[in-house]
């Protein structure tokens, strides 16, 4: 759960460090950083959500068939 915000912070910090209007390399182009941050931010948020549910214990018992869903008394409705 803590890795998601750190990754987002690291990407934004690197973008501020490397973006240079006078630079000639691709890493200096802000469009590349916008694309990278735009792609990895939802992935990091999804991993944070997955980590939250795993920490709460929602994945401790995973049913192997839909019949087990009907039998599970702890299932949320």
Protein backbone atom coordinates (compact mmCIF):
# COMPACT_ATOMS: atom_id res chain seq x y z
CA UNK A 1 0.00 0.00 0.00
CA UNK A 2 2.84 2.37 0.74
CA UNK A 3 4.71 1.63 -2.46
CA UNK A 4 2.00 3.21 -4.67
CA UNK A 5 2.34 6.79 -3.37
CA UNK A 6 6.13 6.45 -3.33
CA UNK A 7 6.16 5.44 -7.01
CA UNK A 8 3.90 8.33 -7.97
CA UNK A 9 6.04 10.77 -5.97
CA UNK A 10 9.21 9.37 -7.55
CA UNK A 11 7.84 9.76 -11.06
CA UNK A 12 6.73 13.34 -10.46
CA UNK A 13 10.05 14.23 -8.79
CA UNK A 14 11.99 12.71 -11.71
CA UNK A 15 9.81 14.61 -14.17
CA UNK A 16 10.63 17.91 -12.46
CA UNK A 17 14.30 16.99 -12.45
CA UNK A 18 14.63 15.91 -16.08
CA UNK A 19 12.21 18.15 -17.99
CA UNK A 20 14.25 20.82 -19.73
CA UNK A 21 12.90 22.89 -22.64
CA UNK A 22 16.43 23.31 -24.00
CA UNK A 23 17.29 19.62 -23.77
CA UNK A 24 17.77 17.53 -26.88
CA UNK A 25 17.07 14.05 -25.46
CA UNK A 26 13.68 12.33 -25.20
CA UNK A 27 13.87 12.34 -21.39
CA UNK A 28 13.81 16.15 -21.47
CA UNK A 29 10.47 16.21 -23.29
CA UNK A 30 7.52 16.91 -20.94
CA UNK A 31 5.09 14.99 -23.18
CA UNK A 32 6.94 11.74 -22.46
CA UNK A 33 6.69 12.35 -18.70
CA UNK A 34 2.98 13.19 -18.92
CA UNK A 35 2.37 9.89 -20.72
CA UNK A 36 4.47 7.90 -18.24
CA UNK A 37 2.80 9.47 -15.20
CA UNK A 38 -0.64 9.10 -16.81
CA UNK A 39 -0.10 5.39 -17.37
CA UNK A 40 1.51 4.47 -14.05
CA UNK A 41 -0.71 6.52 -11.72
CA UNK A 42 -3.84 4.34 -12.20
CA UNK A 43 -1.67 1.21 -11.90
CA UNK A 44 -0.25 2.48 -8.60
CA UNK A 45 -3.73 3.39 -7.33
CA UNK A 46 -4.99 -0.09 -8.25
CA UNK A 47 -2.11 -1.68 -6.36
CA UNK A 48 -2.91 0.47 -3.33
CA UNK A 49 -6.54 -0.68 -3.45
CA UNK A 50 -5.44 -4.31 -3.81
CA UNK A 51 -3.09 -3.90 -0.85
CA UNK A 52 -5.87 -2.40 1.27
CA UNK A 53 -8.21 -5.32 0.61
CA UNK A 54 -5.40 -7.82 1.19
CA UNK A 55 -4.53 -6.13 4.48
CA UNK A 56 -8.18 -6.31 5.56
CA UNK A 57 -8.14 -10.05 4.85
CA UNK A 58 -10.56 -10.18 1.93
CA UNK A 59 -8.27 -12.60 0.06
CA UNK A 60 -7.67 -15.00 2.94
CA UNK A 61 -10.19 -17.46 1.52
CA UNK A 62 -10.82 -17.48 -2.21
CA UNK A 63 -13.69 -19.68 -3.48
CA UNK A 64 -12.85 -22.19 -6.22
CA UNK A 65 -16.35 -22.29 -7.70
CA UNK A 66 -19.48 -20.18 -7.67
CA UNK A 67 -21.23 -22.87 -5.60
CA UNK A 68 -18.87 -22.05 -2.75
CA UNK A 69 -20.05 -18.44 -2.92
CA UNK A 70 -23.58 -19.55 -2.10
CA UNK A 71 -22.38 -21.62 0.87
CA UNK A 72 -20.13 -18.97 2.43
CA UNK A 73 -21.85 -17.50 5.53
CA UNK A 74 -19.28 -14.67 5.82
CA UNK A 75 -19.97 -13.36 2.33
CA UNK A 76 -20.96 -9.71 2.23
CA UNK A 77 -24.23 -8.83 0.58
